[in-house]
Amino acid sequence: MERLLIGGKVKRNLKCLKNLMQQE
C-alpha cells in the first residue's frame, strides 16, 4: 500500500514538473 501511495506522489510530481517546464 505504501509503495503505491509513494509511486502516485512521484507520478504526480513528475506531471507538475513537466507542466512547469512547458510554461517557461
PDB file of N, CA and C in Angstrom:
ATOM      1  N   MET A   1       0.841  -1.207   0.000  1.00  0.00           N
ATOM      2  CA  MET A   1       0.000   0.000   0.000  1.00  0.00           C
ATOM      3  C   MET A   1       0.874   1.254   0.000  1.00  0.00           C
ATOM      4  N   GLU A   2       1.859   1.290   0.893  1.00  0.00           N
ATOM      5  CA  GLU A   2       2.709   2.494   0.962  1.00  0.00           C
ATOM      6  C   GLU A   2       3.433   2.736  -0.364  1.00  0.00           C
ATOM      7  N   ARG A   3       3.892   1.647  -0.983  1.00  0.00           N
ATOM      8  CA  ARG A   3       4.618   1.801  -2.265  1.00  0.00           C
ATOM      9  C   ARG A   3       3.713   2.444  -3.299  1.00  0.00           C
ATOM     10  N   LEU A   4       2.446   2.014  -3.346  1.00  0.00           N
ATOM     11  CA  LEU A   4       1.526   2.587  -4.334  1.00  0.00           C
ATOM     12  C   LEU A   4       1.334   4.079  -4.065  1.00  0.00           C
ATOM     13  N   LEU A   5       1.181   4.440  -2.792  1.00  0.00           N
ATOM     14  CA  LEU A   5       0.990   5.858  -2.465  1.00  0.00           C
ATOM     15  C   LEU A   5       2.213   6.661  -2.878  1.00  0.00           C
ATOM     16  N   ILE A   6       3.411   6.137  -2.571  1.00  0.00           N
ATOM     17  CA  ILE A   6       4.646   6.858  -2.935  1.00  0.00           C
ATOM     18  C   ILE A   6       4.741   6.964  -4.460  1.00  0.00           C
ATOM     19  N   GLY A   7       4.443   5.872  -5.160  1.00  0.00           N
ATOM     20  CA  GLY A   7       4.502   5.895  -6.624  1.00  0.00           C
ATOM     21  C   GLY A   7       3.545   6.943  -7.185  1.00  0.00           C
ATOM     22  N   GLY A   8       2.356   7.033  -6.627  1.00  0.00           N
ATOM     23  CA  GLY A   8       1.388   8.026  -7.106  1.00  0.00           C
ATOM     24  C   GLY A   8       1.906   9.433  -6.880  1.00  0.00           C
ATOM     25  N   LYS A   9       2.525   9.664  -5.739  1.00  0.00           N
ATOM     26  CA  LYS A   9       3.078  11.003  -5.449  1.00  0.00           C
ATOM     27  C   LYS A   9       4.170  11.331  -6.453  1.00  0.00           C
ATOM     28  N   VAL A  10       5.037  10.359  -6.736  1.00  0.00           N
ATOM     29  CA  VAL A  10       6.135  10.605  -7.692  1.00  0.00           C
ATOM     30  C   VAL A  10       5.567  10.938  -9.063  1.00  0.00           C
ATOM     31  N   LYS A  11       4.593  10.160  -9.522  1.00  0.00           N
ATOM     32  CA  LYS A  11       3.990  10.431 -10.845  1.00  0.00           C
ATOM     33  C   LYS A  11       3.369  11.815 -10.857  1.00  0.00           C
ATOM     34  N   ARG A  12       2.681  12.164  -9.772  1.00  0.00           N
ATOM     35  CA  ARG A  12       2.028  13.474  -9.718  1.00  0.00           C
ATOM     36  C   ARG A  12       3.082  14.580  -9.764  1.00  0.00           C
ATOM     37  N   ASN A  13       4.199  14.366  -9.031  1.00  0.00           N
ATOM     38  CA  ASN A  13       5.267  15.381  -9.025  1.00  0.00           C
ATOM     39  C   ASN A  13       5.871  15.516 -10.414  1.00  0.00           C
ATOM     40  N   LEU A  14       6.061  14.400 -11.111  1.00  0.00           N
ATOM     41  CA  LEU A  14       6.643  14.460 -12.465  1.00  0.00           C
ATOM     42  C   LEU A  14       5.708  15.253 -13.378  1.00  0.00           C
ATOM     43  N   LYS A  15       4.417  15.049 -13.252  1.00  0.00           N
ATOM     44  CA  LYS A  15       3.451  15.791 -14.087  1.00  0.00           C
ATOM     45  C   LYS A  15       3.583  17.286 -13.814  1.00  0.00           C
ATOM     46  N   CYS A  16       3.663  17.665 -12.542  1.00  0.00           N
ATOM     47  CA  CYS A  16       3.793  19.089 -12.176  1.00  0.00           C
ATOM     48  C   CYS A  16       5.082  19.650 -12.765  1.00  0.00           C
ATOM     49  N   LEU A  17       6.172  18.892 -12.658  1.00  0.00           N
ATOM     50  CA  LEU A  17       7.464  19.373 -13.192  1.00  0.00           C
ATOM     51  C   LEU A  17       7.351  19.574 -14.700  1.00  0.00           C
ATOM     52  N   LYS A  18       6.740  18.643 -15.407  1.00  0.00           N
ATOM     53  CA  LYS A  18       6.605  18.774 -16.873  1.00  0.00           C
ATOM     54  C   LYS A  18       5.788  20.019 -17.204  1.00  0.00           C
ATOM     55  N   ASN A  19       4.702  20.248 -16.475  1.00  0.00           N
ATOM     56  CA  ASN A  19       3.865  21.430 -16.738  1.00  0.00           C
ATOM     57  C   ASN A  19       4.670  22.701 -16.513  1.00  0.00           C
ATOM     58  N   LEU A  20       5.438  22.756 -15.417  1.00  0.00           N
ATOM     59  CA  LEU A  20       6.234  23.953 -15.130  1.00  0.00           C
ATOM     60  C   LEU A  20       7.268  24.182 -16.232  1.00  0.00           C
ATOM     61  N   MET A  21       7.917  23.114 -16.686  1.00  0.00           N
ATOM     62  CA  MET A  21       8.937  23.255 -17.734  1.00  0.00           C
ATOM     63  C   MET A  21       8.297  23.739 -19.033  1.00  0.00           C
ATOM     64  N   GLN A  22       7.089  23.264 -19.352  1.00  0.00           N
ATOM     65  CA  GLN A  22       6.422  23.689 -20.586  1.00  0.00           C
ATOM     66  C   GLN A  22       6.039  25.163 -20.503  1.00  0.00           C
ATOM     67  N   GLN A  23       5.638  25.633 -19.323  1.00  0.00           N
ATOM     68  CA  GLN A  23       5.217  27.032 -19.183  1.00  0.00           C
ATOM     69  C   GLN A  23       6.390  27.979 -19.430  1.00  0.00           C
ATOM     70  N   GLU A  24       7.591  27.620 -18.946  1.00  0.00           N
ATOM     71  CA  GLU A  24       8.731  28.549 -19.067  1.00  0.00           C
ATOM     72  C   GLU A  24       9.359  28.543 -20.434  1.00  0.00           C
TER      73      GLU A  24
END
